[in-house]
Amino acid sequence: MLPVEPWQILQYPMLTEKALSRVETENKLVFIVRRDANKKQIKWAAEHALGVKVDNVKTIIDQKGRKKAIIKLTKDFPATDVAMRFGML
């Protein structure tokens, strides 16, 4: 059972060059998330913590064992605005 606080699921944003280019070109945000979180839980956490509507979520486990979530936002919510609001850009 996961915690009910959204920021316990979304641990921190990825601020790599590739992740930031996705913000600008693909309307996507990249977060490191809890390894035991599923896509529905990640979508719920992003919608509640960031105040956006999520189109879809893709997850990857990297070589360091971290789980990355690539969160695509709907066209109504530009990822650049969200990233600037939270100090990611």
N, C-alpha and C. Protein backbone atom coordinates (compact mmCIF):
# COMPACT_ATOMS: atom_id res chain seq x y z
N MET A 1 0.84 -1.19 0.00
CA MET A 1 0.00 0.00 0.00
C MET A 1 0.88 1.25 0.00
N LEU A 2 0.59 2.15 -0.90
CA LEU A 2 1.37 3.38 -1.02
C LEU A 2 0.81 4.48 -0.13
N PRO A 3 1.63 5.44 0.22
CA PRO A 3 1.15 6.59 0.98
C PRO A 3 0.17 7.41 0.14
N VAL A 4 -0.62 8.23 0.79
CA VAL A 4 -1.64 8.98 0.07
C VAL A 4 -1.21 10.39 -0.30
N GLU A 5 -0.03 10.80 0.09
CA GLU A 5 0.47 12.13 -0.28
C GLU A 5 1.12 12.06 -1.66
N PRO A 6 0.72 12.94 -2.59
CA PRO A 6 1.28 12.88 -3.94
C PRO A 6 2.79 13.04 -4.00
N TRP A 7 3.36 13.89 -3.12
CA TRP A 7 4.80 14.12 -3.17
C TRP A 7 5.60 12.96 -2.58
N GLN A 8 4.93 11.98 -1.98
CA GLN A 8 5.63 10.78 -1.56
C GLN A 8 5.76 9.80 -2.72
N ILE A 9 4.90 9.95 -3.73
CA ILE A 9 5.00 9.13 -4.94
C ILE A 9 5.96 9.79 -5.92
N LEU A 10 5.74 11.08 -6.21
CA LEU A 10 6.65 11.85 -7.07
C LEU A 10 7.79 12.34 -6.19
N GLN A 11 8.93 11.70 -6.26
CA GLN A 11 10.00 12.05 -5.33
C GLN A 11 10.72 13.32 -5.72
N TYR A 12 11.19 13.44 -6.97
CA TYR A 12 11.83 14.67 -7.41
C TYR A 12 11.90 14.69 -8.94
N PRO A 13 11.97 15.89 -9.54
CA PRO A 13 12.02 15.98 -11.00
C PRO A 13 13.43 15.69 -11.52
N MET A 14 13.48 15.14 -12.72
CA MET A 14 14.76 14.96 -13.42
C MET A 14 15.07 16.28 -14.11
N LEU A 15 16.27 16.78 -13.91
CA LEU A 15 16.66 18.06 -14.50
C LEU A 15 17.83 17.89 -15.47
N THR A 16 17.88 16.75 -16.14
CA THR A 16 18.93 16.53 -17.13
C THR A 16 18.59 17.29 -18.41
N GLU A 17 19.56 17.40 -19.29
CA GLU A 17 19.35 18.10 -20.55
C GLU A 17 18.26 17.43 -21.38
N LYS A 18 18.25 16.12 -21.41
CA LYS A 18 17.24 15.39 -22.18
C LYS A 18 15.85 15.59 -21.58
N ALA A 19 15.74 15.56 -20.27
CA ALA A 19 14.45 15.75 -19.61
C ALA A 19 13.92 17.16 -19.86
N LEU A 20 14.80 18.15 -19.80
CA LEU A 20 14.36 19.53 -20.03
C LEU A 20 13.99 19.77 -21.49
N SER A 21 14.62 19.07 -22.41
CA SER A 21 14.23 19.22 -23.82
C SER A 21 12.85 18.60 -24.05
N ARG A 22 12.51 17.56 -23.30
CA ARG A 22 11.16 16.98 -23.40
C ARG A 22 10.10 17.95 -22.91
N VAL A 23 10.44 18.75 -21.91
CA VAL A 23 9.50 19.75 -21.40
C VAL A 23 9.17 20.73 -22.52
N GLU A 24 10.18 21.18 -23.24
CA GLU A 24 9.99 22.21 -24.25
C GLU A 24 9.41 21.68 -25.56
N THR A 25 9.79 20.49 -25.98
CA THR A 25 9.39 20.01 -27.30
C THR A 25 8.22 19.04 -27.29
N GLU A 26 8.07 18.23 -26.23
CA GLU A 26 7.08 17.16 -26.24
C GLU A 26 5.97 17.35 -25.21
N ASN A 27 6.00 18.43 -24.44
CA ASN A 27 5.01 18.69 -23.39
C ASN A 27 4.99 17.57 -22.34
N LYS A 28 6.19 17.13 -21.94
CA LYS A 28 6.33 16.04 -20.97
C LYS A 28 7.18 16.49 -19.79
N LEU A 29 6.87 15.95 -18.62
CA LEU A 29 7.67 16.15 -17.41
C LEU A 29 8.25 14.80 -17.01
N VAL A 30 9.46 14.81 -16.49
CA VAL A 30 10.12 13.56 -16.08
C VAL A 30 10.40 13.64 -14.59
N PHE A 31 9.91 12.65 -13.84
CA PHE A 31 10.10 12.58 -12.40
C PHE A 31 10.69 11.24 -12.01
N ILE A 32 11.47 11.24 -10.94
CA ILE A 32 11.83 10.00 -10.26
C ILE A 32 10.69 9.71 -9.30
N VAL A 33 10.18 8.49 -9.35
CA VAL A 33 9.03 8.11 -8.52
C VAL A 33 9.37 6.90 -7.67
N ARG A 34 8.48 6.60 -6.74
CA ARG A 34 8.66 5.39 -5.92
C ARG A 34 8.67 4.17 -6.83
N ARG A 35 9.53 3.24 -6.51
CA ARG A 35 9.67 2.06 -7.35
C ARG A 35 8.42 1.18 -7.34
N ASP A 36 7.65 1.22 -6.26
CA ASP A 36 6.46 0.38 -6.17
C ASP A 36 5.19 1.07 -6.66
N ALA A 37 5.30 2.28 -7.19
CA ALA A 37 4.13 3.01 -7.70
C ALA A 37 3.79 2.52 -9.11
N ASN A 38 2.49 2.36 -9.38
CA ASN A 38 2.09 1.99 -10.74
C ASN A 38 1.65 3.23 -11.51
N LYS A 39 1.31 3.06 -12.78
CA LYS A 39 1.02 4.21 -13.64
C LYS A 39 -0.21 4.98 -13.19
N LYS A 40 -1.23 4.29 -12.71
CA LYS A 40 -2.43 4.98 -12.23
C LYS A 40 -2.12 5.83 -11.02
N GLN A 41 -1.31 5.32 -10.12
CA GLN A 41 -0.94 6.09 -8.93
C GLN A 41 -0.07 7.29 -9.30
N ILE A 42 0.82 7.12 -10.27
CA ILE A 42 1.67 8.23 -10.71
C ILE A 42 0.81 9.30 -11.37
N LYS A 43 -0.15 8.89 -12.18
CA LYS A 43 -1.06 9.85 -12.82
C LYS A 43 -1.83 10.63 -11.77
N TRP A 44 -2.38 9.93 -10.78
CA TRP A 44 -3.13 10.60 -9.71
C TRP A 44 -2.24 11.59 -8.96
N ALA A 45 -1.03 11.17 -8.64
CA ALA A 45 -0.12 12.04 -7.89
C ALA A 45 0.24 13.28 -8.69
N ALA A 46 0.50 13.12 -9.99
CA ALA A 46 0.85 14.28 -10.82
C ALA A 46 -0.32 15.24 -10.93
N GLU A 47 -1.52 14.72 -11.10
CA GLU A 47 -2.68 15.60 -11.22
C GLU A 47 -2.94 16.36 -9.93
N HIS A 48 -2.76 15.72 -8.79
CA HIS A 48 -3.03 16.39 -7.51
C HIS A 48 -1.88 17.30 -7.06
N ALA A 49 -0.65 16.89 -7.27
CA ALA A 49 0.48 17.69 -6.81
C ALA A 49 0.76 18.88 -7.72
N LEU A 50 0.60 18.68 -9.02
CA LEU A 50 0.96 19.72 -9.98
C LEU A 50 -0.24 20.52 -10.47
N GLY A 51 -1.45 20.03 -10.25
CA GLY A 51 -2.64 20.74 -10.70
C GLY A 51 -2.80 20.72 -12.21
N VAL A 52 -2.54 19.58 -12.84
CA VAL A 52 -2.60 19.45 -14.30
C VAL A 52 -3.47 18.25 -14.66
N LYS A 53 -3.75 18.11 -15.96
CA LYS A 53 -4.39 16.91 -16.48
C LYS A 53 -3.33 16.11 -17.23
N VAL A 54 -3.25 14.83 -16.93
CA VAL A 54 -2.23 13.95 -17.52
C VAL A 54 -2.84 13.18 -18.68
N ASP A 55 -2.13 13.16 -19.81
CA ASP A 55 -2.56 12.41 -20.98
C ASP A 55 -2.15 10.94 -20.83
N ASN A 56 -0.86 10.69 -20.59
CA ASN A 56 -0.40 9.31 -20.34
C ASN A 56 0.89 9.32 -19.54
N VAL A 57 1.24 8.14 -19.04
CA VAL A 57 2.44 7.97 -18.22
C VAL A 57 3.22 6.77 -18.76
N LYS A 58 4.51 6.96 -18.95
CA LYS A 58 5.41 5.86 -19.30
C LYS A 58 6.44 5.75 -18.19
N THR A 59 6.82 4.52 -17.85
CA THR A 59 7.79 4.32 -16.78
C THR A 59 8.98 3.52 -17.28
N ILE A 60 10.13 3.83 -16.68
CA ILE A 60 11.39 3.18 -17.02
C ILE A 60 12.16 2.98 -15.72
N ILE A 61 12.81 1.84 -15.57
CA ILE A 61 13.73 1.65 -14.45
C ILE A 61 15.13 1.77 -15.03
N ASP A 62 15.89 2.75 -14.55
CA ASP A 62 17.22 3.01 -15.11
C ASP A 62 18.27 2.08 -14.51
N GLN A 63 19.51 2.25 -14.96
CA GLN A 63 20.59 1.37 -14.53
C GLN A 63 20.93 1.53 -13.06
N LYS A 64 20.58 2.66 -12.48
CA LYS A 64 20.83 2.89 -11.06
C LYS A 64 19.72 2.33 -10.18
N GLY A 65 18.69 1.76 -10.80
CA GLY A 65 17.59 1.17 -10.04
C GLY A 65 16.49 2.15 -9.70
N ARG A 66 16.56 3.37 -10.24
CA ARG A 66 15.51 4.36 -9.99
C ARG A 66 14.40 4.19 -11.02
N LYS A 67 13.18 4.49 -10.61
CA LYS A 67 12.06 4.43 -11.53
C LYS A 67 11.76 5.84 -12.02
N LYS A 68 11.83 6.02 -13.34
CA LYS A 68 11.52 7.31 -13.95
C LYS A 68 10.13 7.25 -14.55
N ALA A 69 9.37 8.31 -14.35
CA ALA A 69 8.05 8.43 -14.98
C ALA A 69 8.10 9.58 -15.96
N ILE A 70 7.74 9.30 -17.19
CA ILE A 70 7.64 10.34 -18.21
C ILE A 70 6.15 10.65 -18.33
N ILE A 71 5.79 11.84 -17.89
CA ILE A 71 4.38 12.22 -17.75
C ILE A 71 4.04 13.20 -18.87
N LYS A 72 3.15 12.77 -19.77
CA LYS A 72 2.72 13.65 -20.87
C LYS A 72 1.46 14.38 -20.43
N LEU A 73 1.50 15.70 -20.55
CA LEU A 73 0.37 16.53 -20.16
C LEU A 73 -0.54 16.77 -21.35
N THR A 74 -1.82 17.08 -21.06
CA THR A 74 -2.74 17.43 -22.14
C THR A 74 -2.36 18.80 -22.69
N LYS A 75 -2.91 19.13 -23.85
CA LYS A 75 -2.55 20.39 -24.50
C LYS A 75 -3.02 21.61 -23.71
N ASP A 76 -3.98 21.43 -22.81
CA ASP A 76 -4.48 22.54 -22.00
C ASP A 76 -3.45 23.01 -20.98
N PHE A 77 -2.48 22.18 -20.66
CA PHE A 77 -1.49 22.49 -19.63
C PHE A 77 -0.08 22.41 -20.23
N PRO A 78 0.51 23.53 -20.64
CA PRO A 78 1.88 23.51 -21.17
C PRO A 78 2.88 23.10 -20.09
N ALA A 79 3.72 22.15 -20.41
CA ALA A 79 4.72 21.66 -19.46
C ALA A 79 5.71 22.75 -19.08
N THR A 80 5.97 23.69 -19.99
CA THR A 80 6.90 24.78 -19.67
C THR A 80 6.36 25.65 -18.55
N ASP A 81 5.04 25.91 -18.56
CA ASP A 81 4.43 26.71 -17.49
C ASP A 81 4.53 26.00 -16.14
N VAL A 82 4.26 24.70 -16.15
CA VAL A 82 4.34 23.91 -14.91
C VAL A 82 5.78 23.87 -14.41
N ALA A 83 6.73 23.66 -15.31
CA ALA A 83 8.14 23.59 -14.92
C ALA A 83 8.62 24.92 -14.36
N MET A 84 8.19 26.02 -14.94
CA MET A 84 8.59 27.33 -14.42
C MET A 84 7.95 27.61 -13.07
N ARG A 85 6.72 27.18 -12.89
CA ARG A 85 6.02 27.39 -11.62
C ARG A 85 6.71 26.66 -10.47
N PHE A 86 7.29 25.51 -10.76
CA PHE A 86 7.96 24.72 -9.72
C PHE A 86 9.48 24.89 -9.73
N GLY A 87 9.99 25.85 -10.50
CA GLY A 87 11.41 26.16 -10.49
C GLY A 87 12.29 25.16 -11.21
N MET A 88 11.74 24.42 -12.15
CA MET A 88 12.52 23.44 -12.89
C MET A 88 13.23 24.07 -14.09
N LEU A 89 12.74 25.20 -14.56
CA LEU A 89 13.36 25.90 -15.69
C LEU A 89 13.92 27.22 -15.22
